[in-house]
Amino acid sequence: MRNFAALFVGLLFGLGITVSGMINPAKVLNFFDVAGSWDPSLALVMASALLTTAIGYRFVFRSERPIFDSAFHLPGSTTIDKPLILGAVTYGVGWGLIGFCPGGLVPALGLARAEPWIFALALVAGMAAARFVRTRLAEPKSATQGTA
């Protein structure tokens, strides 16, 4: 039942993204083009998502636990740190330059166009590169490094 619920919610999200036109990068890019052909519809999509989430959270957190799990899985940290800021900036700049975000990308993969697939490959490569850099930076330097 848990997998069915996840499938249903994913399909509903994909349908909402598709119906709202957010799988079209040109529509998203027009939202950021305030000096040109500005399209405010993305703001309406964001506002409706924020309202839905706010209402949903009020109902969900009244329960002791989720319906399909034994406990809520919330982030352990609320710290705004350098990795969070860099990740958010990278996400926003990429979204503004390309017009795809991961949520809108998945339904767009079914459009039989090359652009979403190229973006998906670049997204996976970027995640792999970020993971590589983070693990390299997190590794403690051995005692032999830095001595000549």
Protein backbone atom coordinates (compact mmCIF):
# COMPACT_ATOMS: atom_id res chain seq x y z
CA MET A 1 0.00 0.00 0.00
CA ARG A 2 2.92 2.33 0.75
CA ASN A 3 4.28 1.96 -2.80
CA PHE A 4 0.82 2.54 -4.27
CA ALA A 5 0.47 5.76 -2.24
CA ALA A 6 3.91 6.92 -3.41
CA LEU A 7 3.01 6.14 -7.03
CA PHE A 8 -0.30 7.98 -6.71
CA VAL A 9 1.30 11.08 -5.18
CA GLY A 10 4.06 11.06 -7.81
CA LEU A 11 1.55 10.78 -10.64
CA LEU A 12 -0.57 13.54 -9.13
CA PHE A 13 2.50 15.79 -8.83
CA GLY A 14 3.53 15.02 -12.42
CA LEU A 15 0.01 15.76 -13.64
CA GLY A 16 0.01 19.09 -11.80
CA ILE A 17 3.40 20.05 -13.22
CA THR A 18 2.25 19.07 -16.72
CA VAL A 19 -1.13 20.83 -16.57
CA SER A 20 0.48 23.99 -15.20
CA GLY A 21 2.94 24.01 -18.11
CA MET A 22 6.00 23.85 -15.85
CA ILE A 23 7.56 21.08 -17.96
CA ASN A 24 8.03 23.70 -20.68
CA PRO A 25 11.38 25.44 -20.07
CA ALA A 26 10.29 28.47 -22.13
CA LYS A 27 7.38 29.07 -19.75
CA VAL A 28 9.70 28.88 -16.76
CA LEU A 29 12.31 31.14 -18.38
CA ASN A 30 9.61 33.70 -19.23
CA PHE A 31 8.86 33.95 -15.51
CA PHE A 32 12.43 35.09 -14.91
CA ASP A 33 12.33 37.55 -17.84
CA VAL A 34 10.71 40.44 -15.96
CA ALA A 35 12.03 43.01 -18.45
CA GLY A 36 10.74 41.11 -21.48
CA SER A 37 7.96 38.58 -21.97
CA TRP A 38 7.25 38.05 -18.27
CA ASP A 39 4.80 35.25 -17.44
CA PRO A 40 3.57 35.42 -13.82
CA SER A 41 1.91 31.98 -13.91
CA LEU A 42 4.87 30.31 -12.18
CA ALA A 43 4.25 32.55 -9.17
CA LEU A 44 0.68 31.23 -9.03
CA VAL A 45 1.94 27.65 -9.21
CA MET A 46 4.42 28.35 -6.40
CA ALA A 47 1.77 30.07 -4.28
CA SER A 48 -0.68 27.20 -4.70
CA ALA A 49 2.07 24.71 -3.81
CA LEU A 50 2.97 26.71 -0.70
CA LEU A 51 -0.68 26.92 0.37
CA THR A 52 -1.24 23.20 -0.21
CA THR A 53 1.91 22.35 1.75
CA ALA A 54 1.00 24.63 4.65
CA ILE A 55 -2.46 23.09 4.94
CA GLY A 56 -1.06 19.58 4.52
CA TYR A 57 1.55 20.05 7.24
CA ARG A 58 -1.11 21.22 9.70
CA PHE A 59 -3.11 18.03 9.14
CA VAL A 60 -0.19 15.62 8.92
CA PHE A 61 1.63 16.72 12.06
CA ARG A 62 -1.49 16.35 14.18
CA SER A 63 -0.91 12.60 13.88
CA GLU A 64 1.55 10.73 16.05
CA ARG A 65 3.08 9.04 13.00
CA PRO A 66 2.62 8.88 9.22
CA ILE A 67 0.06 6.44 7.82
CA PHE A 68 2.62 4.27 6.01
CA ASP A 69 5.63 4.54 8.32
CA SER A 70 6.50 4.20 11.97
CA ALA A 71 7.83 7.76 12.41
CA PHE A 72 8.24 11.09 10.66
CA HIS A 73 11.64 11.55 9.00
CA LEU A 74 12.54 15.20 9.38
CA PRO A 75 15.90 16.90 8.79
CA GLY A 76 18.15 16.69 11.81
CA SER A 77 19.73 20.08 11.24
CA THR A 78 18.19 23.51 10.84
CA THR A 79 21.55 25.22 10.36
CA ILE A 80 21.95 27.45 7.33
CA ASP A 81 25.50 26.61 6.33
CA LYS A 82 27.77 27.04 3.33
CA PRO A 83 26.79 23.75 1.57
CA LEU A 84 23.10 24.62 1.89
CA ILE A 85 23.60 28.11 0.48
CA LEU A 86 25.86 26.90 -2.36
CA GLY A 87 23.39 24.15 -3.23
CA ALA A 88 20.44 26.53 -3.25
CA VAL A 89 22.30 29.08 -5.37
CA THR A 90 23.44 26.40 -7.82
CA TYR A 91 19.90 25.05 -8.07
CA GLY A 92 18.41 28.51 -8.63
CA VAL A 93 20.99 29.61 -11.18
CA GLY A 94 20.65 26.33 -13.09
CA TRP A 95 16.88 26.59 -13.07
CA GLY A 96 17.04 30.19 -14.26
CA LEU A 97 19.50 29.43 -17.06
CA ILE A 98 17.98 26.19 -18.35
CA GLY A 99 14.32 26.30 -17.33
CA PHE A 100 14.19 22.76 -15.96
CA CYS A 101 14.00 21.77 -12.33
CA PRO A 102 14.14 18.13 -11.22
CA GLY A 103 10.39 18.10 -10.45
CA GLY A 104 9.46 19.27 -13.93
CA LEU A 105 12.17 17.20 -15.56
CA VAL A 106 10.65 13.80 -14.85
CA PRO A 107 7.37 14.41 -16.73
CA ALA A 108 9.31 16.19 -19.50
CA LEU A 109 11.31 13.01 -20.15
CA GLY A 110 8.18 11.61 -21.79
CA LEU A 111 8.05 14.37 -24.42
CA ALA A 112 10.42 12.52 -26.78
CA ARG A 113 12.77 15.50 -26.92
CA ALA A 114 16.53 15.47 -26.41
CA GLU A 115 16.77 18.47 -24.05
CA PRO A 116 15.24 16.84 -20.96
CA TRP A 117 17.46 13.77 -21.39
CA ILE A 118 20.58 15.92 -21.80
CA PHE A 119 19.60 17.86 -18.67
CA ALA A 120 18.97 14.60 -16.78
CA LEU A 121 22.45 13.34 -17.69
CA ALA A 122 23.99 16.67 -16.67
CA LEU A 123 22.03 16.55 -13.40
CA VAL A 124 23.31 13.07 -12.56
CA ALA A 125 26.87 14.07 -13.52
CA GLY A 126 26.62 17.19 -11.36
CA MET A 127 25.36 15.18 -8.38
CA ALA A 128 28.20 12.69 -8.81
CA ALA A 129 30.76 15.51 -9.06
CA ALA A 130 29.34 17.22 -5.95
CA ARG A 131 29.44 13.96 -4.00
CA PHE A 132 33.03 13.36 -5.12
CA VAL A 133 34.13 16.85 -4.08
CA ARG A 134 32.31 16.66 -0.73
CA THR A 135 33.83 13.30 0.16
CA ARG A 136 37.30 14.50 -0.86
CA LEU A 137 36.96 17.66 1.22
CA ALA A 138 35.54 15.76 4.19
CA GLU A 139 38.39 13.22 4.31
CA PRO A 140 40.95 14.10 6.96
CA LYS A 141 44.41 14.72 5.60
CA SER A 142 46.92 12.11 6.58
CA ALA A 143 49.98 12.97 8.63
CA THR A 144 52.25 12.47 5.62
CA GLN A 145 50.45 15.03 3.49
CA GLY A 146 51.81 18.53 3.61
CA THR A 147 55.27 17.53 4.78
CA ALA A 148 58.23 17.61 2.45
